[in-house]
């Protein structure tokens, strides 16, 4: 899956909202395989603003030591 920068997303959303090109024309103009991401970006921008176009944080990775310590704590205290 291709990852697009926040700046690129803002550029396309702005061009869609203030220009005279539709989703399909924009996708062709920028050599995108589909118009769907642009539709998703416009929808996200309309509901959440610029925050809707930012990449989501990845899930936090925990070290093996942390996991083992957590399991030990659970066994010792009966915590869930």
PDB file of N, CA and C in Angstrom:
ATOM      1  N   UNK A   1       0.843  -1.173   0.000  1.00  0.00           N
ATOM      2  CA  UNK A   1       0.000   0.000   0.000  1.00  0.00           C
ATOM      3  C   UNK A   1       0.887   1.234   0.000  1.00  0.00           C
ATOM      4  N   UNK A   2       0.577   2.175  -0.857  1.00  0.00           N
ATOM      5  CA  UNK A   2       1.354   3.395  -0.968  1.00  0.00           C
ATOM      6  C   UNK A   2       0.975   4.337   0.167  1.00  0.00           C
ATOM      7  N   UNK A   3       1.981   4.931   0.783  1.00  0.00           N
ATOM      8  CA  UNK A   3       1.750   5.930   1.825  1.00  0.00           C
ATOM      9  C   UNK A   3       1.964   7.300   1.217  1.00  0.00           C
ATOM     10  N   UNK A   4       1.020   8.182   1.404  1.00  0.00           N
ATOM     11  CA  UNK A   4       1.118   9.531   0.877  1.00  0.00           C
ATOM     12  C   UNK A   4       1.394  10.498   2.021  1.00  0.00           C
ATOM     13  N   UNK A   5       2.176  11.519   1.745  1.00  0.00           N
ATOM     14  CA  UNK A   5       2.525  12.488   2.782  1.00  0.00           C
ATOM     15  C   UNK A   5       1.310  13.347   3.125  1.00  0.00           C
ATOM     16  N   UNK A   6       1.372  13.926   4.305  1.00  0.00           N
ATOM     17  CA  UNK A   6       0.310  14.813   4.758  1.00  0.00           C
ATOM     18  C   UNK A   6       0.184  16.009   3.805  1.00  0.00           C
ATOM     19  N   UNK A   7       1.314  16.535   3.349  1.00  0.00           N
ATOM     20  CA  UNK A   7       1.306  17.688   2.447  1.00  0.00           C
ATOM     21  C   UNK A   7       0.604  17.342   1.123  1.00  0.00           C
ATOM     22  N   UNK A   8       0.882  16.147   0.606  1.00  0.00           N
ATOM     23  CA  UNK A   8       0.258  15.706  -0.640  1.00  0.00           C
ATOM     24  C   UNK A   8      -1.255  15.591  -0.467  1.00  0.00           C
ATOM     25  N   UNK A   9      -1.671  15.020   0.657  1.00  0.00           N
ATOM     26  CA  UNK A   9      -3.101  14.865   0.921  1.00  0.00           C
ATOM     27  C   UNK A   9      -3.786  16.223   0.988  1.00  0.00           C
ATOM     28  N   UNK A  10      -3.169  17.167   1.702  1.00  0.00           N
ATOM     29  CA  UNK A  10      -3.738  18.512   1.827  1.00  0.00           C
ATOM     30  C   UNK A  10      -3.832  19.173   0.452  1.00  0.00           C
ATOM     31  N   UNK A  11      -2.787  18.999  -0.345  1.00  0.00           N
ATOM     32  CA  UNK A  11      -2.770  19.577  -1.687  1.00  0.00           C
ATOM     33  C   UNK A  11      -3.948  19.065  -2.512  1.00  0.00           C
ATOM     34  N   UNK A  12      -4.174  17.765  -2.519  1.00  0.00           N
ATOM     35  CA  UNK A  12      -5.255  17.190  -3.312  1.00  0.00           C
ATOM     36  C   UNK A  12      -6.630  17.559  -2.767  1.00  0.00           C
ATOM     37  N   UNK A  13      -6.766  17.549  -1.451  1.00  0.00           N
ATOM     38  CA  UNK A  13      -8.051  17.921  -0.854  1.00  0.00           C
ATOM     39  C   UNK A  13      -8.379  19.372  -1.194  1.00  0.00           C
ATOM     40  N   UNK A  14      -7.398  20.257  -1.061  1.00  0.00           N
ATOM     41  CA  UNK A  14      -7.601  21.669  -1.380  1.00  0.00           C
ATOM     42  C   UNK A  14      -7.940  21.842  -2.853  1.00  0.00           C
ATOM     43  N   UNK A  15      -7.220  21.137  -3.695  1.00  0.00           N
ATOM     44  CA  UNK A  15      -7.478  21.227  -5.126  1.00  0.00           C
ATOM     45  C   UNK A  15      -8.887  20.727  -5.462  1.00  0.00           C
ATOM     46  N   UNK A  16      -9.330  19.685  -4.783  1.00  0.00           N
ATOM     47  CA  UNK A  16     -10.672  19.167  -5.020  1.00  0.00           C
ATOM     48  C   UNK A  16     -11.725  20.178  -4.547  1.00  0.00           C
ATOM     49  N   UNK A  17     -11.546  20.693  -3.326  1.00  0.00           N
ATOM     50  CA  UNK A  17     -12.552  21.579  -2.738  1.00  0.00           C
ATOM     51  C   UNK A  17     -12.621  22.946  -3.425  1.00  0.00           C
ATOM     52  N   UNK A  18     -11.493  23.453  -3.903  1.00  0.00           N
ATOM     53  CA  UNK A  18     -11.455  24.797  -4.475  1.00  0.00           C
ATOM     54  C   UNK A  18     -11.266  24.812  -5.986  1.00  0.00           C
ATOM     55  N   UNK A  19     -11.103  23.657  -6.574  1.00  0.00           N
ATOM     56  CA  UNK A  19     -10.877  23.585  -8.014  1.00  0.00           C
ATOM     57  C   UNK A  19     -12.101  23.108  -8.749  1.00  0.00           C
ATOM     58  N   UNK A  20     -11.880  22.742  -9.996  1.00  0.00           N
ATOM     59  CA  UNK A  20     -13.005  22.272 -10.806  1.00  0.00           C
ATOM     60  C   UNK A  20     -12.790  20.845 -11.301  1.00  0.00           C
ATOM     61  N   UNK A  21     -11.873  20.112 -10.650  1.00  0.00           N
ATOM     62  CA  UNK A  21     -11.629  18.724 -11.022  1.00  0.00           C
ATOM     63  C   UNK A  21     -12.337  17.791 -10.045  1.00  0.00           C
ATOM     64  N   UNK A  22     -12.834  16.683 -10.563  1.00  0.00           N
ATOM     65  CA  UNK A  22     -13.472  15.676  -9.727  1.00  0.00           C
ATOM     66  C   UNK A  22     -12.450  14.670  -9.221  1.00  0.00           C
ATOM     67  N   UNK A  23     -12.942  13.699  -8.474  1.00  0.00           N
ATOM     68  CA  UNK A  23     -12.063  12.677  -7.900  1.00  0.00           C
ATOM     69  C   UNK A  23     -11.284  11.924  -8.979  1.00  0.00           C
ATOM     70  N   UNK A  24     -11.992  11.482  -9.999  1.00  0.00           N
ATOM     71  CA  UNK A  24     -11.358  10.686 -11.040  1.00  0.00           C
ATOM     72  C   UNK A  24     -10.294  11.495 -11.788  1.00  0.00           C
ATOM     73  N   UNK A  25     -10.594  12.740 -12.106  1.00  0.00           N
ATOM     74  CA  UNK A  25      -9.642  13.591 -12.822  1.00  0.00           C
ATOM     75  C   UNK A  25      -8.397  13.857 -11.988  1.00  0.00           C
ATOM     76  N   UNK A  26      -8.579  14.087 -10.693  1.00  0.00           N
ATOM     77  CA  UNK A  26      -7.426  14.299  -9.810  1.00  0.00           C
ATOM     78  C   UNK A  26      -6.560  13.045  -9.725  1.00  0.00           C
ATOM     79  N   UNK A  27      -7.205  11.898  -9.628  1.00  0.00           N
ATOM     80  CA  UNK A  27      -6.453  10.643  -9.554  1.00  0.00           C
ATOM     81  C   UNK A  27      -5.613  10.457 -10.813  1.00  0.00           C
ATOM     82  N   UNK A  28      -6.191  10.755 -11.952  1.00  0.00           N
ATOM     83  CA  UNK A  28      -5.447  10.634 -13.206  1.00  0.00           C
ATOM     84  C   UNK A  28      -4.325  11.658 -13.280  1.00  0.00           C
ATOM     85  N   UNK A  29      -4.598  12.888 -12.862  1.00  0.00           N
ATOM     86  CA  UNK A  29      -3.608  13.969 -12.908  1.00  0.00           C
ATOM     87  C   UNK A  29      -2.359  13.610 -12.100  1.00  0.00           C
ATOM     88  N   UNK A  30      -2.555  12.958 -10.959  1.00  0.00           N
ATOM     89  CA  UNK A  30      -1.434  12.624 -10.071  1.00  0.00           C
ATOM     90  C   UNK A  30      -1.025  11.148 -10.157  1.00  0.00           C
ATOM     91  N   UNK A  31      -1.451  10.486 -11.206  1.00  0.00           N
ATOM     92  CA  UNK A  31      -1.076   9.091 -11.468  1.00  0.00           C
ATOM     93  C   UNK A  31      -1.370   8.158 -10.304  1.00  0.00           C
ATOM     94  N   UNK A  32      -2.526   8.340  -9.714  1.00  0.00           N
ATOM     95  CA  UNK A  32      -2.950   7.459  -8.629  1.00  0.00           C
ATOM     96  C   UNK A  32      -3.780   6.329  -9.223  1.00  0.00           C
ATOM     97  N   UNK A  33      -3.632   5.106  -8.700  1.00  0.00           N
ATOM     98  CA  UNK A  33      -4.349   3.965  -9.259  1.00  0.00           C
ATOM     99  C   UNK A  33      -5.855   3.998  -9.021  1.00  0.00           C
ATOM    100  N   UNK A  34      -6.295   4.803  -8.045  1.00  0.00           N
ATOM    101  CA  UNK A  34      -7.713   4.828  -7.698  1.00  0.00           C
ATOM    102  C   UNK A  34      -8.088   6.202  -7.169  1.00  0.00           C
ATOM    103  N   UNK A  35      -9.358   6.536  -7.282  1.00  0.00           N
ATOM    104  CA  UNK A  35      -9.850   7.790  -6.732  1.00  0.00           C
ATOM    105  C   UNK A  35     -10.290   7.640  -5.278  1.00  0.00           C
ATOM    106  N   UNK A  36     -10.372   6.415  -4.801  1.00  0.00           N
ATOM    107  CA  UNK A  36     -10.873   6.138  -3.459  1.00  0.00           C
ATOM    108  C   UNK A  36     -10.093   6.853  -2.352  1.00  0.00           C
ATOM    109  N   UNK A  37      -8.751   6.855  -2.377  1.00  0.00           N
ATOM    110  CA  UNK A  37      -8.054   7.574  -1.302  1.00  0.00           C
ATOM    111  C   UNK A  37      -8.424   9.057  -1.256  1.00  0.00           C
ATOM    112  N   UNK A  38      -8.601   9.677  -2.401  1.00  0.00           N
ATOM    113  CA  UNK A  38      -8.949  11.101  -2.427  1.00  0.00           C
ATOM    114  C   UNK A  38     -10.327  11.303  -1.791  1.00  0.00           C
ATOM    115  N   UNK A  39     -11.253  10.429  -2.105  1.00  0.00           N
ATOM    116  CA  UNK A  39     -12.586  10.514  -1.504  1.00  0.00           C
ATOM    117  C   UNK A  39     -12.493  10.374   0.016  1.00  0.00           C
ATOM    118  N   UNK A  40     -11.675   9.427   0.469  1.00  0.00           N
ATOM    119  CA  UNK A  40     -11.497   9.217   1.912  1.00  0.00           C
ATOM    120  C   UNK A  40     -10.869  10.442   2.572  1.00  0.00           C
ATOM    121  N   UNK A  41      -9.870  11.042   1.904  1.00  0.00           N
ATOM    122  CA  UNK A  41      -9.201  12.217   2.460  1.00  0.00           C
ATOM    123  C   UNK A  41     -10.146  13.402   2.556  1.00  0.00           C
ATOM    124  N   UNK A  42     -10.954  13.609   1.533  1.00  0.00           N
ATOM    125  CA  UNK A  42     -11.904  14.727   1.548  1.00  0.00           C
ATOM    126  C   UNK A  42     -12.915  14.522   2.669  1.00  0.00           C
ATOM    127  N   UNK A  43     -13.415  13.303   2.806  1.00  0.00           N
ATOM    128  CA  UNK A  43     -14.371  12.986   3.876  1.00  0.00           C
ATOM    129  C   UNK A  43     -13.739  13.220   5.246  1.00  0.00           C
ATOM    130  N   UNK A  44     -12.502  12.748   5.424  1.00  0.00           N
ATOM    131  CA  UNK A  44     -11.806  12.924   6.701  1.00  0.00           C
ATOM    132  C   UNK A  44     -11.562  14.397   6.984  1.00  0.00           C
ATOM    133  N   UNK A  45     -11.194  15.146   5.956  1.00  0.00           N
ATOM    134  CA  UNK A  45     -10.935  16.575   6.129  1.00  0.00           C
ATOM    135  C   UNK A  45     -12.212  17.321   6.519  1.00  0.00           C
ATOM    136  N   UNK A  46     -13.320  16.957   5.905  1.00  0.00           N
ATOM    137  CA  UNK A  46     -14.586  17.628   6.200  1.00  0.00           C
ATOM    138  C   UNK A  46     -15.059  17.352   7.626  1.00  0.00           C
ATOM    139  N   UNK A  47     -14.770  16.172   8.138  1.00  0.00           N
ATOM    140  CA  UNK A  47     -15.236  15.820   9.488  1.00  0.00           C
ATOM    141  C   UNK A  47     -14.231  16.154  10.586  1.00  0.00           C
ATOM    142  N   UNK A  48     -12.905  16.051  10.275  1.00  0.00           N
ATOM    143  CA  UNK A  48     -11.894  16.210  11.322  1.00  0.00           C
ATOM    144  C   UNK A  48     -10.884  17.321  11.051  1.00  0.00           C
ATOM    145  N   UNK A  49     -10.969  17.951   9.906  1.00  0.00           N
ATOM    146  CA  UNK A  49      -9.992  18.976   9.555  1.00  0.00           C
ATOM    147  C   UNK A  49      -8.661  18.339   9.186  1.00  0.00           C
ATOM    148  N   UNK A  50      -7.594  19.115   9.315  1.00  0.00           N
ATOM    149  CA  UNK A  50      -6.256  18.644   8.945  1.00  0.00           C
ATOM    150  C   UNK A  50      -5.854  17.413   9.765  1.00  0.00           C
ATOM    151  N   UNK A  51      -6.334  17.314  10.992  1.00  0.00           N
ATOM    152  CA  UNK A  51      -6.005  16.161  11.846  1.00  0.00           C
ATOM    153  C   UNK A  51      -6.439  14.850  11.200  1.00  0.00           C
ATOM    154  N   UNK A  52      -7.505  14.895  10.424  1.00  0.00           N
ATOM    155  CA  UNK A  52      -8.004  13.693   9.757  1.00  0.00           C
ATOM    156  C   UNK A  52      -7.087  13.185   8.661  1.00  0.00           C
ATOM    157  N   UNK A  53      -6.143  14.026   8.218  1.00  0.00           N
ATOM    158  CA  UNK A  53      -5.228  13.636   7.150  1.00  0.00           C
ATOM    159  C   UNK A  53      -3.883  13.143   7.666  1.00  0.00           C
ATOM    160  N   UNK A  54      -3.669  13.252   8.968  1.00  0.00           N
ATOM    161  CA  UNK A  54      -2.389  12.817   9.540  1.00  0.00           C
ATOM    162  C   UNK A  54      -2.352  11.311   9.685  1.00  0.00           C
ATOM    163  N   UNK A  55      -1.152  10.779   9.612  1.00  0.00           N
ATOM    164  CA  UNK A  55      -0.979   9.331   9.794  1.00  0.00           C
ATOM    165  C   UNK A  55      -1.257   8.960  11.236  1.00  0.00           C
ATOM    166  N   UNK A  56      -1.834   7.810  11.387  1.00  0.00           N
ATOM    167  CA  UNK A  56      -2.123   7.298  12.731  1.00  0.00           C
ATOM    168  C   UNK A  56      -0.844   6.757  13.343  1.00  0.00           C
ATOM    169  N   UNK A  57      -0.759   6.845  14.656  1.00  0.00           N
ATOM    170  CA  UNK A  57       0.404   6.273  15.339  1.00  0.00           C
ATOM    171  C   UNK A  57       0.327   4.761  15.273  1.00  0.00           C
ATOM    172  N   UNK A  58       1.485   4.171  15.181  1.00  0.00           N
ATOM    173  CA  UNK A  58       1.556   2.717  15.172  1.00  0.00           C
ATOM    174  C   UNK A  58       1.330   2.201  16.593  1.00  0.00           C
ATOM    175  N   UNK A  59       0.917   0.958  16.695  1.00  0.00           N
ATOM    176  CA  UNK A  59       0.736   0.353  18.005  1.00  0.00           C
ATOM    177  C   UNK A  59       2.073   0.323  18.729  1.00  0.00           C
ATOM    178  N   UNK A  60       2.004   0.547  20.016  1.00  0.00           N
ATOM    179  CA  UNK A  60       3.224   0.564  20.806  1.00  0.00           C
ATOM    180  C   UNK A  60       3.756  -0.856  20.967  1.00  0.00           C
ATOM    181  N   UNK A  61       5.051  -1.015  20.798  1.00  0.00           N
ATOM    182  CA  UNK A  61       5.693  -2.319  20.959  1.00  0.00           C
ATOM    183  C   UNK A  61       6.292  -2.394  22.362  1.00  0.00           C
ATOM    184  N   UNK A  62       6.034  -3.490  23.049  1.00  0.00           N
ATOM    185  CA  UNK A  62       6.549  -3.681  24.402  1.00  0.00           C
ATOM    186  C   UNK A  62       7.697  -4.678  24.371  1.00  0.00           C
ATOM    187  N   UNK A  63       8.688  -4.430  25.201  1.00  0.00           N
ATOM    188  CA  UNK A  63       9.849  -5.315  25.252  1.00  0.00           C
ATOM    189  C   UNK A  63       9.468  -6.640  25.907  1.00  0.00           C
ATOM    190  N   UNK A  64      10.286  -7.639  25.677  1.00  0.00           N
ATOM    191  CA  UNK A  64      10.055  -8.952  26.285  1.00  0.00           C
ATOM    192  C   UNK A  64      10.145  -8.844  27.805  1.00  0.00           C
ATOM    193  N   UNK A  65      11.103  -8.046  28.287  1.00  0.00           N
ATOM    194  CA  UNK A  65      11.244  -7.870  29.736  1.00  0.00           C
ATOM    195  C   UNK A  65       9.973  -7.287  30.338  1.00  0.00           C
ATOM    196  N   UNK A  66       9.415  -6.281  29.688  1.00  0.00           N
ATOM    197  CA  UNK A  66       8.183  -5.673  30.184  1.00  0.00           C
ATOM    198  C   UNK A  66       7.058  -6.699  30.218  1.00  0.00           C
ATOM    199  N   UNK A  67       6.931  -7.491  29.186  1.00  0.00           N
ATOM    200  CA  UNK A  67       5.877  -8.506  29.127  1.00  0.00           C
ATOM    201  C   UNK A  67       6.044  -9.545  30.229  1.00  0.00           C
ATOM    202  N   UNK A  68       7.291 -10.010  30.427  1.00  0.00           N
ATOM    203  CA  UNK A  68       7.542 -11.007  31.476  1.00  0.00           C
ATOM    204  C   UNK A  68       7.278 -10.427  32.858  1.00  0.00           C
ATOM    205  N   UNK A  69       7.701  -9.172  33.077  1.00  0.00           N
ATOM    206  CA  UNK A  69       7.438  -8.511  34.360  1.00  0.00           C
ATOM    207  C   UNK A  69       5.939  -8.384  34.611  1.00  0.00           C
ATOM    208  N   UNK A  70       5.191  -8.076  33.567  1.00  0.00           N
ATOM    209  CA  UNK A  70       3.742  -7.933  33.687  1.00  0.00           C
ATOM    210  C   UNK A  70       3.098  -9.269  34.044  1.00  0.00           C
ATOM    211  N   UNK A  71       3.518 -10.331  33.375  1.00  0.00           N
ATOM    212  CA  UNK A  71       2.979 -11.663  33.669  1.00  0.00           C
ATOM    213  C   UNK A  71       3.324 -12.067  35.097  1.00  0.00           C
ATOM    214  N   UNK A  72       4.564 -11.804  35.518  1.00  0.00           N
ATOM    215  CA  UNK A  72       4.974 -12.130  36.886  1.00  0.00           C
ATOM    216  C   UNK A  72       4.114 -11.370  37.896  1.00  0.00           C
ATOM    217  N   UNK A  73       3.873 -10.094  37.636  1.00  0.00           N
ATOM    218  CA  UNK A  73       3.034  -9.277  38.514  1.00  0.00           C
ATOM    219  C   UNK A  73       1.624  -9.857  38.594  1.00  0.00           C
ATOM    220  N   UNK A  74       1.083 -10.262  37.457  1.00  0.00           N
ATOM    221  CA  UNK A  74      -0.251 -10.826  37.432  1.00  0.00           C
ATOM    222  C   UNK A  74      -0.329 -12.123  38.235  1.00  0.00           C
ATOM    223  N   UNK A  75       0.698 -12.960  38.105  1.00  0.00           N
ATOM    224  CA  UNK A  75       0.709 -14.227  38.838  1.00  0.00           C
ATOM    225  C   UNK A  75       0.836 -13.999  40.344  1.00  0.00           C
ATOM    226  N   UNK A  76       1.637 -13.021  40.722  1.00  0.00           N
ATOM    227  CA  UNK A  76       1.862 -12.746  42.140  1.00  0.00           C
ATOM    228  C   UNK A  76       0.675 -12.086  42.822  1.00  0.00           C
ATOM    229  N   UNK A  77      -0.017 -11.212  42.093  1.00  0.00           N
ATOM    230  CA  UNK A  77      -1.087 -10.425  42.729  1.00  0.00           C
ATOM    231  C   UNK A  77      -2.485 -10.887  42.357  1.00  0.00           C
ATOM    232  N   UNK A  78      -2.592 -11.701  41.326  1.00  0.00           N
ATOM    233  CA  UNK A  78      -3.913 -12.139  40.887  1.00  0.00           C
ATOM    234  C   UNK A  78      -4.606 -11.082  40.028  1.00  0.00           C
ATOM    235  N   UNK A  79      -3.871 -10.069  39.612  1.00  0.00           N
ATOM    236  CA  UNK A  79      -4.445  -9.020  38.761  1.00  0.00           C
ATOM    237  C   UNK A  79      -4.812  -9.577  37.405  1.00  0.00           C
ATOM    238  N   UNK A  80      -5.751  -8.937  36.758  1.00  0.00           N
ATOM    239  CA  UNK A  80      -6.149  -9.396  35.424  1.00  0.00           C
ATOM    240  C   UNK A  80      -5.490  -8.525  34.367  1.00  0.00           C
TER     241      UNK A  80
END
